[in-house]
Protein backbone atom coordinates (compact mmCIF):
# COMPACT_ATOMS: atom_id res chain seq x y z
CA MET A 1 111.55 62.90 132.19
CA LYS A 2 112.87 61.31 128.99
CA GLU A 3 116.36 61.04 130.50
CA LYS A 4 114.98 59.19 133.53
CA ARG A 5 113.26 56.67 131.26
CA GLU A 6 116.49 56.02 129.37
CA LYS A 7 118.36 55.08 132.56
CA LYS A 8 115.94 52.42 133.81
CA GLU A 9 117.68 49.06 133.82
CA MET A 10 116.53 46.58 131.18
CA LYS A 11 114.85 43.40 132.39
CA VAL A 12 113.53 40.81 129.94
CA THR A 13 112.03 37.52 131.15
CA PRO A 14 108.95 35.54 130.01
CA TRP A 15 106.98 37.22 132.82
CA ASN A 16 108.51 40.68 133.15
CA VAL A 17 109.75 43.19 130.57
CA SER A 18 110.88 46.61 131.76
CA GLY A 19 113.45 49.32 131.19
CA LYS A 20 114.92 50.63 127.95
CA ILE A 21 115.14 47.67 125.58
CA ASP A 22 118.54 47.24 123.95
CA TYR A 23 117.90 44.70 121.19
CA GLU A 24 121.57 44.47 120.23
CA LYS A 25 122.36 43.48 123.81
CA LEU A 26 119.52 40.92 123.81
CA ILE A 27 120.89 39.36 120.63
CA ARG A 28 124.25 38.91 122.37
CA GLU A 29 122.85 37.73 125.71
CA PHE A 30 120.25 35.34 124.28
CA GLY A 31 122.54 34.02 121.56
CA VAL A 32 120.10 34.56 118.68
CA SER A 33 121.21 35.59 115.18
CA LYS A 34 120.32 38.77 113.33
CA ILE A 35 118.10 38.46 110.29
CA ASN A 36 120.31 39.77 107.49
CA GLU A 37 119.65 40.74 103.87
CA GLU A 38 120.81 37.38 102.56
CA LEU A 39 118.25 35.57 104.71
CA LEU A 40 115.50 38.00 103.71
CA GLU A 41 116.23 37.29 100.04
CA ARG A 42 116.07 33.58 100.72
CA ILE A 43 112.67 33.91 102.41
CA LYS A 44 111.44 36.09 99.56
CA LYS A 45 112.36 33.37 97.06
CA HIS A 46 109.55 31.28 98.55
CA THR A 47 107.06 33.96 99.62
CA LYS A 48 107.44 36.22 96.50
CA GLU A 49 107.13 39.27 98.76
CA LEU A 50 108.39 40.18 102.22
CA HIS A 51 106.06 40.97 105.06
CA PHE A 52 106.53 44.56 106.20
CA MET A 53 107.49 43.33 109.68
CA LEU A 54 110.49 41.62 108.13
CA LYS A 55 111.46 44.59 105.96
CA ARG A 56 111.23 46.96 108.93
CA ASN A 57 113.18 44.77 111.34
CA VAL A 58 110.17 44.22 113.63
CA PHE A 59 111.04 40.53 113.37
CA PHE A 60 114.75 40.97 113.82
CA SER A 61 116.39 37.74 114.99
CA HIS A 62 116.18 33.98 114.58
CA ARG A 63 117.56 30.56 115.33
CA ASP A 64 118.16 28.10 112.49
CA LEU A 65 115.98 29.79 109.85
CA ASN A 66 118.46 28.74 107.18
CA TRP A 67 118.20 25.14 108.34
CA ILE A 68 114.40 25.15 108.22
CA LEU A 69 114.47 26.60 104.70
CA ASN A 70 116.91 23.85 103.72
CA GLU A 71 114.42 21.27 105.00
CA TYR A 72 111.54 23.01 103.23
CA GLU A 73 113.45 22.99 99.95
CA LYS A 74 114.07 19.25 100.37
CA GLY A 75 110.30 18.72 100.71
CA ASN A 76 110.30 18.30 104.49
CA LYS A 77 107.65 20.92 105.21
CA PHE A 78 107.67 22.57 108.62
CA PHE A 79 104.81 23.31 111.00
CA LEU A 80 104.32 26.49 113.03
CA TYR A 81 103.93 26.69 116.79
CA THR A 82 103.02 29.72 118.86
CA GLY A 83 100.64 30.43 121.74
CA ARG A 84 99.02 32.58 124.37
CA ALA A 85 98.90 32.06 128.16
CA PRO A 86 95.39 33.27 129.05
CA SER A 87 95.07 35.60 132.04
CA GLY A 88 93.16 38.62 130.74
CA LYS A 89 92.14 40.48 127.61
CA VAL A 90 94.12 40.42 124.37
CA HIS A 91 95.82 43.68 123.41
CA LEU A 92 97.55 44.88 120.26
CA GLY A 93 100.95 43.71 121.49
CA HIS A 94 99.66 40.13 121.50
CA MET A 95 98.25 40.55 118.00
CA MET A 96 101.52 41.54 116.35
CA PRO A 97 103.22 38.08 116.26
CA TRP A 98 99.89 36.40 115.39
CA VAL A 99 99.43 38.62 112.33
CA PHE A 100 102.90 37.62 111.16
CA THR A 101 102.27 33.94 111.95
CA LYS A 102 99.16 34.01 109.75
CA TRP A 103 101.31 35.35 106.91
CA LEU A 104 103.76 32.48 107.40
CA GLN A 105 100.91 29.97 107.40
CA ASP A 106 99.51 31.40 104.18
CA LYS A 107 102.84 31.68 102.36
CA PHE A 108 104.19 28.25 103.33
CA ASN A 109 100.81 26.45 103.53
CA ALA A 110 101.86 25.32 107.01
CA GLU A 111 100.00 23.71 109.86
CA LEU A 112 99.81 25.82 113.02
CA TRP A 113 99.72 24.35 116.50
CA PHE A 114 98.53 27.07 118.84
CA GLN A 115 99.07 26.37 122.53
CA PHE A 116 96.94 27.82 125.32
CA PRO A 117 98.90 26.93 128.48
CA ASP A 118 95.99 27.59 130.81
CA GLU A 119 98.04 26.61 133.86
CA GLU A 120 101.01 28.96 133.31
CA LYS A 121 99.70 32.28 134.64
CA PHE A 122 97.78 30.44 137.38
CA LEU A 123 101.08 28.99 138.61
CA PHE A 124 103.10 32.20 138.30
CA LYS A 125 100.52 34.73 139.58
CA GLN A 126 99.69 34.07 143.20
CA ASP A 127 96.38 35.97 143.20
CA LEU A 128 95.00 34.40 139.99
CA LYS A 129 92.23 31.80 140.26
CA PHE A 130 91.78 28.93 137.82
CA ASP A 131 88.17 29.96 137.13
CA ASP A 132 89.39 33.38 135.98
CA VAL A 133 91.92 31.74 133.66
CA GLN A 134 89.19 29.62 132.07
CA LYS A 135 87.09 32.71 131.34
CA SER A 136 90.08 34.38 129.71
CA LEU A 137 90.82 31.19 127.76
CA LYS A 138 87.42 31.16 126.04
CA ASP A 139 87.66 34.88 125.32
CA ASN A 140 91.23 34.71 123.98
CA MET A 141 90.33 31.89 121.59
CA LEU A 142 87.95 34.25 119.80
CA ASP A 143 90.76 36.72 119.17
CA VAL A 144 93.05 34.04 117.76
CA ILE A 145 90.38 32.69 115.41
CA ALA A 146 89.53 36.24 114.29
CA VAL A 147 93.11 36.68 113.01
CA GLY A 148 92.05 34.41 110.15
CA PHE A 149 94.10 31.25 110.57
CA ASN A 150 93.13 28.37 108.30
CA PRO A 151 90.68 26.20 110.33
CA LYS A 152 91.72 23.12 108.34
CA LYS A 153 95.36 23.59 109.28
CA THR A 154 95.17 25.16 112.77
CA TYR A 155 94.99 23.10 115.96
CA PHE A 156 94.39 24.51 119.43
CA LEU A 157 96.28 22.78 122.23
CA VAL A 158 94.92 23.56 125.70
CA ASP A 159 97.16 22.08 128.36
CA THR A 160 94.38 20.95 130.72
CA VAL A 161 92.08 19.81 127.89
CA HIS A 162 94.73 17.93 125.88
CA ALA A 163 96.62 16.60 128.90
CA ASN A 164 95.95 13.06 127.65
CA LEU A 165 98.22 13.83 124.68
CA MET A 166 100.66 16.18 126.34
CA TYR A 167 101.43 15.02 129.87
CA LYS A 168 103.26 11.80 129.00
CA GLU A 169 105.49 13.67 126.55
CA ALA A 170 106.04 16.49 129.08
CA CYS A 171 107.28 13.90 131.57
CA LYS A 172 109.88 12.72 129.04
CA VAL A 173 111.03 16.33 128.70
CA ALA A 174 110.99 16.92 132.47
CA LYS A 175 113.30 13.95 133.03
CA LYS A 176 115.96 15.73 130.96
CA ILE A 177 115.65 19.11 132.76
CA THR A 178 117.34 19.65 136.11
CA PHE A 179 116.37 22.23 138.71
CA SER A 180 119.68 24.02 138.14
CA MET A 181 118.85 24.39 134.43
CA VAL A 182 115.47 25.94 135.27
CA LYS A 183 117.04 28.26 137.85
CA ALA A 184 119.65 29.44 135.36
CA SER A 185 117.10 30.03 132.59
CA PHE A 186 114.28 31.65 134.55
CA GLY A 187 115.73 32.90 137.82
CA LEU A 188 113.56 30.55 139.89
CA ASN A 189 114.63 29.62 143.40
CA GLU A 190 113.78 27.36 146.37
CA ASN A 191 110.66 29.43 147.05
CA SER A 192 109.25 28.81 143.56
CA ASN A 193 106.33 26.39 143.55
CA ILE A 194 106.90 23.02 141.88
CA GLY A 195 104.39 23.90 139.14
CA GLU A 196 106.60 26.80 138.04
CA ILE A 197 109.59 24.47 137.94
CA PHE A 198 107.75 21.87 135.84
CA TYR A 199 105.89 24.26 133.54
CA THR A 200 108.45 24.66 130.73
CA SER A 201 108.17 20.89 130.11
CA MET A 202 104.59 21.47 128.95
CA GLN A 203 105.58 24.42 126.77
CA THR A 204 108.11 22.19 125.02
CA VAL A 205 105.58 19.54 123.94
CA PRO A 206 103.96 21.33 120.93
CA ALA A 207 107.41 21.63 119.32
CA PHE A 208 107.46 17.85 118.74
CA LEU A 209 103.88 16.61 119.30
CA PRO A 210 103.06 16.64 115.53
CA SER A 211 106.13 14.45 114.97
CA ILE A 212 104.73 11.95 117.48
CA LEU A 213 101.21 12.01 116.07
CA LYS A 214 102.41 11.60 112.46
CA LYS A 215 105.18 9.18 113.37
CA LYS A 216 107.88 11.09 111.51
CA ASN A 217 110.32 13.86 112.37
CA ILE A 218 108.85 17.21 111.25
CA PRO A 219 110.69 20.56 111.47
CA CYS A 220 109.10 23.22 113.67
CA LEU A 221 109.26 27.03 113.37
CA ILE A 222 108.22 29.12 116.37
CA PRO A 223 107.43 32.85 115.97
CA TYR A 224 107.41 34.73 119.28
CA ALA A 225 108.34 37.95 121.04
CA ILE A 226 111.95 37.90 122.25
CA ASP A 227 110.98 37.71 125.96
CA GLN A 228 109.79 34.09 125.49
CA ASP A 229 113.20 32.93 124.30
CA PRO A 230 114.35 31.31 127.60
CA HIS A 231 111.65 28.63 127.27
CA PHE A 232 112.76 27.66 123.81
CA ARG A 233 116.48 27.67 124.56
CA LEU A 234 115.73 24.82 126.94
CA THR A 235 113.48 23.20 124.35
CA ARG A 236 116.30 23.26 121.80
CA ASP A 237 118.68 21.67 124.31
CA ILE A 238 116.29 18.86 125.22
CA LEU A 239 114.61 17.71 122.00
CA PRO A 240 117.71 16.21 120.32
CA LYS A 241 118.14 14.07 123.45
CA LEU A 242 114.65 12.68 122.77
CA GLY A 243 115.37 12.11 119.08
CA TYR A 244 113.62 15.16 117.60
CA TYR A 245 114.76 18.23 115.66
CA LYS A 246 115.68 21.41 117.46
CA PRO A 247 112.88 23.87 116.67
CA ALA A 248 113.82 26.90 114.61
CA SER A 249 112.48 30.26 115.75
CA ILE A 250 111.98 33.87 114.72
CA GLN A 251 111.73 36.70 117.27
CA CYS A 252 110.01 40.08 117.18
CA SER A 253 110.51 43.26 119.17
CA PHE A 254 107.91 44.66 121.59
CA LEU A 255 105.03 46.98 120.79
CA PRO A 256 105.59 49.77 123.34
CA PRO A 257 102.95 50.94 125.81
CA LEU A 258 101.09 54.10 124.84
CA ASN A 259 102.87 56.28 127.38
CA GLY A 260 106.24 55.61 125.75
CA VAL A 261 107.81 54.13 128.87
CA SER A 262 110.27 51.45 127.79
CA GLY A 263 109.22 47.84 127.96
CA LYS A 264 106.17 46.43 126.20
CA MET A 265 102.42 46.87 126.07
CA SER A 266 100.85 45.13 129.07
CA SER A 267 97.45 44.63 130.62
CA SER A 268 97.56 48.17 132.06
CA GLU A 269 94.14 49.57 131.10
CA GLN A 270 94.98 53.14 130.15
CA TYR A 271 98.29 52.47 128.37
CA SER A 272 97.12 49.50 126.26
CA ILE A 273 94.60 49.08 123.47
CA PHE A 274 92.54 45.92 123.65
CA THR A 275 90.84 44.10 120.80
CA THR A 276 87.46 44.75 122.42
CA ASP A 277 87.93 48.52 122.82
CA SER A 278 85.31 50.78 121.26
CA PRO A 279 86.24 53.47 118.70
CA LYS A 280 85.74 56.10 121.41
CA GLU A 281 88.02 54.26 123.86
CA VAL A 282 90.73 54.00 121.20
CA GLU A 283 90.46 57.70 120.39
CA THR A 284 90.53 58.73 124.04
CA LYS A 285 93.54 56.56 124.90
CA ILE A 286 95.64 57.71 121.97
CA LYS A 287 94.80 61.40 122.34
CA LYS A 288 95.40 61.34 126.10
CA TYR A 289 98.26 58.87 126.57
CA ALA A 290 100.20 58.29 123.32
CA PHE A 291 103.72 59.61 123.87
CA SER A 292 104.56 62.33 121.36
CA GLY A 293 107.73 63.09 119.49
CA GLY A 294 106.41 66.59 118.84
CA ARG A 295 107.61 69.94 120.15
CA ASP A 296 106.21 71.93 123.06
CA SER A 297 104.32 74.33 120.81
CA ILE A 298 102.86 74.32 117.29
CA GLU A 299 105.18 77.16 116.29
CA GLU A 300 108.27 75.28 117.47
CA HIS A 301 107.04 72.07 115.84
CA ARG A 302 106.49 73.80 112.50
CA LYS A 303 109.98 75.28 112.72
CA LYS A 304 112.04 72.34 114.04
CA GLY A 305 109.88 69.32 113.21
CA GLY A 306 109.02 66.26 115.31
CA ASN A 307 110.87 63.06 116.09
CA PRO A 308 108.98 60.08 114.63
CA ASP A 309 111.58 57.65 116.00
CA ILE A 310 110.35 58.20 119.57
CA ASP A 311 106.72 58.98 118.75
CA VAL A 312 104.47 56.10 119.83
CA SER A 313 101.81 56.78 117.19
CA PHE A 314 104.39 56.52 114.43
CA GLN A 315 105.87 53.34 115.95
CA TYR A 316 102.44 51.70 115.96
CA LEU A 317 102.03 52.56 112.29
CA ARG A 318 105.51 51.24 111.51
CA MET A 319 105.15 48.00 113.45
CA LEU A 320 101.55 47.01 112.79
CA PHE A 321 99.11 49.40 111.12
CA GLU A 322 100.66 50.85 107.94
CA PRO A 323 101.89 48.10 105.62
CA ASN A 324 102.44 50.49 102.71
CA ASP A 325 106.10 51.59 102.71
CA GLU A 326 105.52 54.70 100.59
CA LYS A 327 102.70 55.95 102.81
CA LEU A 328 104.78 55.33 105.93
CA LYS A 329 107.75 57.18 104.43
CA LYS A 330 105.54 60.16 103.57
CA ILE A 331 104.19 60.30 107.15
CA TYR A 332 107.72 60.06 108.52
CA GLU A 333 109.01 62.91 106.37
CA GLU A 334 106.03 65.20 106.96
CA TYR A 335 106.18 64.71 110.72
CA LYS A 336 109.94 65.15 110.87
CA SER A 337 109.77 68.35 108.78
CA GLY A 338 107.00 69.82 110.93
CA THR A 339 104.44 69.78 108.12
CA MET A 340 102.39 67.21 110.06
CA LEU A 341 101.39 67.96 113.65
CA THR A 342 101.18 65.41 116.47
CA SER A 343 97.39 65.76 116.53
CA GLU A 344 97.25 64.87 112.82
CA LEU A 345 99.55 61.88 113.28
CA LYS A 346 97.42 60.63 116.15
CA MET A 347 94.28 60.90 114.02
CA ILE A 348 95.88 58.78 111.30
CA LEU A 349 96.62 56.09 113.86
CA ILE A 350 93.16 56.31 115.44
CA GLU A 351 91.52 55.76 112.05
CA LYS A 352 93.84 52.85 111.24
CA ILE A 353 93.29 51.09 114.57
CA ASN A 354 89.53 51.57 114.52
CA ALA A 355 89.30 50.20 110.98
CA PHE A 356 91.37 47.20 112.05
CA LEU A 357 89.32 46.61 115.21
CA LYS A 358 85.98 46.99 113.43
CA GLU A 359 86.86 44.08 111.14
CA HIS A 360 88.52 42.10 113.93
CA GLN A 361 85.48 42.46 116.20
CA ARG A 362 83.18 41.35 113.36
CA LYS A 363 85.27 38.21 112.89
CA ARG A 364 85.49 37.77 116.66
CA LYS A 365 81.70 37.55 116.84
CA LEU A 366 81.64 34.95 114.07
CA ALA A 367 84.36 33.00 115.88
CA GLU A 368 81.96 32.12 118.71
CA LYS A 369 80.55 29.36 116.48
CA GLN A 370 83.92 28.21 115.19
CA VAL A 371 85.79 27.31 118.39
CA GLY A 372 84.93 23.62 118.08
CA LYS A 373 86.70 23.33 114.69
CA PHE A 374 89.98 24.45 116.26
CA LEU A 375 89.60 22.79 119.65
CA ASN A 376 88.13 19.34 119.00
CA TRP A 377 90.49 18.20 116.22
CA ASP A 378 91.56 15.11 118.20
CA LYS A 379 88.06 13.69 118.61
């Protein structure tokens, strides 16, 4: 079974991630740069401490981070841009880059422009209705606010709501993008609808909209999962032609689905944990579906130990839920030696996730009265 998983061909696009993910290959194919120790030290000079996602190579690659730090050191502060295309519930895989983005906002006192392209999934999913997207949009906003972004420095951009600001600029971008460029970047063809072909023009706008509004060129840093990179490669090609900086970016790896199949967590109900899941749902999903690096029997596990490097519960702790390096190391060693059983490792994760979700859901409820602060900034 494991061998079959390993052989599945890797596919990574903004709309489809599958197969065994080879991040070294993605670095080569996408043309991003590895985050090295020298760059980590440079970031630490400004942040005083490194986020555990940086130390553990969860955020592993970048474009022009050195340049954006140069600008920051000259006093030309950057803004952050990330987003979420609403089409369903938010799961833990979505949360991972947002948690890191909040850290960046706090450490660099940066503005965040958060885009909700409410037309994207409608255009790319044939069976999706616009009314369903709008329901997801309102729901997803609560999750973003609950992360804890600074309401005085965070601005929601909804493509259909802020079209008065965005569409004219998107047209300027669209004029510089040919159909052949879109085909090469996204694999679109003559059967793709014209909305799909135009869409990336809208996703480009937040990378330079603050420069337009403030009438000066402002550097932009975009944190995102590596599958979204094709959009921003085009963005980086186009913006200098319009007189703006290329946006810098930092990319993270994927939080795997519970069943351990390669790819990333998706909207699959049983193999994903959503921000609205109850403690019982979390416990059931992890106990039933979380892929184990343990042995076939307790006796064998005690004797030979488990493999934390393939164990999904350990990967969730490493990537999102255990920021303490010493605690994580202890879990790793105890599981690998056989001292800790799979059932015990799963219980650690269950407790961590439920503690996280309890607080997140509390903030999510409070967020219902805060949406206007983030959404109506241009009034």
